[in-house]
Structure formats: structure tokens, C-alpha cells
């Protein structure tokens, strides 16, 4: 008799959980109010910055940002539109910044006659800019700024 009551209680509990799940739609803050199982309409792309102004880098070895529009550029295993201007052989005509010599090296440090396949897909590291308001506030300071503040405060940095 006790086992029947226990079984009925577990069955009711399970049924309650299932009903609660069906009546509640799960959402994710990044998707807004659209429930997770539903497809969202992506936002319209903004107007990319197209001023050709080189931006300062925030940290050592940061890949430079792209100061011009790149929508519609073909970059696949057969063709790389970026290299029409940025290949070392074409910079005299295009006056573009040449691809870094590091992009012509394989993983063992050997220099190659063409851009390494490891560095061929530019948009994996280099990004175009949009004139938009940041989603989250950013208080990043590079190491030089931090050291200047410490020095101005008359403190010695900890080692």
C-alpha cells in the first residue's frame, strides 16, 4: 500500500514538472524576449566605418582593425580579396598597408612565397569597425597607462 502511494506521489510530481516546463518559455538575455526554441530575425547591419584611419592598438600583438568596409569580400580557399591590395607585390600600386611578414611564415618559422594557410582567412583576427554604442562598458587600460598612473601617484609597482 505504501509503495502505491509513493509511486502515485512521484508520478504526480513528475507530471507537475512536465506541465510547468510546457507553460514556461525559456529565454536568453542575449536573444531578448524571443524564447530559445524560436528563430529570431537578426538585426540590420549598421553602417561600417569607412574612413581608412589607422587606429591605435590596445595591447601588444593586437591584430590591427580594418578601417574600411569589407562586406561582399570573397575570402575562401580559392581567393582572398584582401590580397588584391595588401599583398606585398601589390602595395606599390594600392598604397595599402602590406600584410605582416609573419603571415608569410609557416608554423616552423620558414618563410613562404605566399601567405601561409594559417593566416589566409583575415577576418578570423582582423575586424571591421562599426560606429555603435558598446553593449557593455569597457574600462580597459593598457599597461603603459597603468604604469603612468602608478608613477604619477608616487607608488612603485609590485613585482
Protein backbone atom coordinates (compact mmCIF):
# COMPACT_ATOMS: atom_id res chain seq x y z
CA UNK A 1 0.00 0.00 0.00
CA UNK A 2 2.79 2.42 0.91
CA UNK A 3 4.58 1.68 -2.34
CA UNK A 4 1.43 2.59 -4.33
CA UNK A 5 1.18 5.95 -2.54
CA UNK A 6 4.86 6.64 -3.11
CA UNK A 7 4.51 5.73 -6.79
CA UNK A 8 1.43 7.98 -7.15
CA UNK A 9 3.27 10.85 -5.43
CA UNK A 10 6.31 10.54 -7.74
CA UNK A 11 4.00 10.32 -10.76
CA UNK A 12 2.15 13.49 -9.72
CA UNK A 13 5.43 15.29 -9.08
CA UNK A 14 6.76 14.30 -12.50
CA UNK A 15 3.52 15.39 -14.20
CA UNK A 16 3.70 18.75 -12.39
CA UNK A 17 7.26 19.31 -13.59
CA UNK A 18 6.32 18.48 -17.18
CA UNK A 19 3.36 20.86 -17.11
CA UNK A 20 5.46 23.63 -15.58
CA UNK A 21 8.07 23.22 -18.33
CA UNK A 22 5.45 23.44 -21.06
CA UNK A 23 3.81 26.56 -19.67
CA UNK A 24 7.13 28.40 -19.14
CA UNK A 25 9.17 29.54 -22.15
CA UNK A 26 12.90 29.76 -21.65
CA UNK A 27 14.61 32.93 -22.80
CA UNK A 28 18.17 34.14 -23.02
CA UNK A 29 19.08 37.76 -22.31
CA UNK A 30 21.22 37.95 -25.47
CA UNK A 31 18.18 36.99 -27.60
CA UNK A 32 15.79 39.45 -25.94
CA UNK A 33 12.26 38.27 -25.28
CA UNK A 34 12.23 35.62 -28.02
CA UNK A 35 12.03 32.12 -26.48
CA UNK A 36 15.04 29.91 -27.17
CA UNK A 37 13.29 27.39 -29.47
CA UNK A 38 12.03 30.16 -31.80
CA UNK A 39 14.04 31.68 -34.63
CA UNK A 40 14.88 35.36 -34.29
CA UNK A 41 15.24 37.95 -37.01
CA UNK A 42 18.82 39.24 -36.95
CA UNK A 43 19.29 42.99 -36.52
CA UNK A 44 20.05 45.07 -39.60
CA UNK A 45 23.78 45.60 -40.08
CA UNK A 46 24.99 49.07 -39.25
CA UNK A 47 26.97 51.37 -41.45
CA UNK A 48 30.57 50.19 -41.18
CA UNK A 49 33.27 52.79 -40.60
CA UNK A 50 34.94 53.54 -43.91
CA UNK A 51 37.48 56.27 -43.12
CA UNK A 52 40.81 54.46 -43.71
CA UNK A 53 42.15 55.88 -40.42
CA UNK A 54 44.59 53.55 -38.66
CA UNK A 55 43.53 53.05 -35.04
CA UNK A 56 45.84 52.67 -32.08
CA UNK A 57 46.16 49.17 -30.68
CA UNK A 58 45.17 48.46 -27.09
CA UNK A 59 47.81 45.85 -26.34
CA UNK A 60 50.97 44.36 -27.79
CA UNK A 61 50.38 41.91 -30.65
CA UNK A 62 46.75 43.03 -31.13
CA UNK A 63 45.75 42.49 -34.77
CA UNK A 64 45.00 45.86 -36.39
CA UNK A 65 41.36 46.64 -37.07
CA UNK A 66 40.12 47.06 -40.64
CA UNK A 67 39.46 50.78 -41.34
CA UNK A 68 37.23 50.21 -44.38
CA UNK A 69 34.17 48.23 -45.49
CA UNK A 70 34.66 44.55 -46.33
CA UNK A 71 31.09 43.37 -46.90
CA UNK A 72 30.96 41.33 -50.06
CA UNK A 73 34.67 40.46 -49.99
CA UNK A 74 35.33 36.94 -51.22
CA UNK A 75 37.65 35.15 -48.79
CA UNK A 76 37.64 31.41 -49.30
CA UNK A 77 40.10 28.65 -50.16
CA UNK A 78 40.22 29.77 -53.80
CA UNK A 79 40.50 33.56 -53.47
CA UNK A 80 41.25 36.28 -50.90
CA UNK A 81 40.01 39.74 -51.90
CA UNK A 82 42.14 41.40 -49.19
CA UNK A 83 45.30 40.34 -51.01
CA UNK A 84 44.27 42.38 -54.08
CA UNK A 85 45.58 45.42 -52.19
CA UNK A 86 47.52 44.14 -49.16
CA UNK A 87 49.78 41.52 -50.81
CA UNK A 88 53.40 42.65 -50.70
CA UNK A 89 53.61 42.50 -54.51
CA UNK A 90 50.67 44.94 -54.90
CA UNK A 91 51.29 47.63 -52.27
CA UNK A 92 53.14 50.00 -54.63
CA UNK A 93 50.01 50.35 -56.73
CA UNK A 94 47.40 50.18 -53.95
CA UNK A 95 49.34 52.16 -51.29
CA UNK A 96 47.74 49.81 -48.72
CA UNK A 97 49.47 48.58 -45.58
CA UNK A 98 51.29 45.35 -46.50
CA UNK A 99 50.47 42.05 -44.86
CA UNK A 100 52.91 41.43 -42.00
CA UNK A 101 55.92 39.27 -42.79
CA UNK A 102 54.70 36.93 -40.03
CA UNK A 103 51.78 36.00 -42.30
CA UNK A 104 54.30 34.54 -44.78
CA UNK A 105 55.75 32.07 -42.23
CA UNK A 106 54.68 28.53 -41.52
CA UNK A 107 54.40 27.13 -38.00
CA UNK A 108 58.09 26.14 -38.05
CA UNK A 109 59.20 29.70 -38.87
CA UNK A 110 60.11 29.03 -42.51
CA UNK A 111 59.37 31.89 -44.91
CA UNK A 112 56.90 31.04 -47.68
CA UNK A 113 56.44 32.69 -51.10
CA UNK A 114 52.72 33.28 -50.39
CA UNK A 115 50.57 33.96 -47.32
CA UNK A 116 50.51 30.95 -45.01
CA UNK A 117 47.28 28.97 -44.95
CA UNK A 118 47.25 29.56 -41.18
CA UNK A 119 46.95 33.32 -41.83
CA UNK A 120 44.89 33.27 -45.03
CA UNK A 121 41.43 33.97 -43.56
CA UNK A 122 41.89 37.60 -42.48
CA UNK A 123 38.55 38.08 -40.72
CA UNK A 124 39.41 35.49 -38.09
CA UNK A 125 41.67 38.06 -36.40
CA UNK A 126 41.10 41.42 -38.12
CA UNK A 127 37.68 43.03 -37.72
CA UNK A 128 35.98 46.00 -39.38
CA UNK A 129 34.57 48.71 -37.13
CA UNK A 130 31.00 49.93 -36.69
CA UNK A 131 30.12 53.30 -35.19
CA UNK A 132 27.85 51.85 -32.49
CA UNK A 133 27.38 52.22 -28.76
CA UNK A 134 29.15 49.39 -26.88
CA UNK A 135 26.90 46.69 -25.42
CA UNK A 136 28.88 46.70 -22.17
CA UNK A 137 31.02 49.43 -20.66
CA UNK A 138 34.74 48.99 -21.11
CA UNK A 139 37.26 50.31 -18.60
CA UNK A 140 40.30 48.63 -20.17
CA UNK A 141 43.60 50.45 -19.73
CA UNK A 142 46.79 49.38 -21.44
CA UNK A 143 49.86 48.62 -19.35
CA UNK A 144 51.55 51.94 -20.25
CA UNK A 145 48.60 53.93 -18.91
CA UNK A 146 48.53 51.90 -15.68
CA UNK A 147 52.28 52.36 -15.17
CA UNK A 148 51.98 56.12 -15.77
CA UNK A 149 49.18 56.35 -13.18
CA UNK A 150 51.23 54.39 -10.67
CA UNK A 151 54.27 56.56 -11.30
CA UNK A 152 52.21 59.76 -11.02
CA UNK A 153 50.82 58.57 -7.69
CA UNK A 154 54.39 58.10 -6.45
CA UNK A 155 53.99 54.39 -5.87
CA UNK A 156 56.32 51.66 -7.04
CA UNK A 157 54.71 48.80 -8.95
CA UNK A 158 54.63 45.41 -7.22
CA UNK A 159 56.72 42.66 -8.71
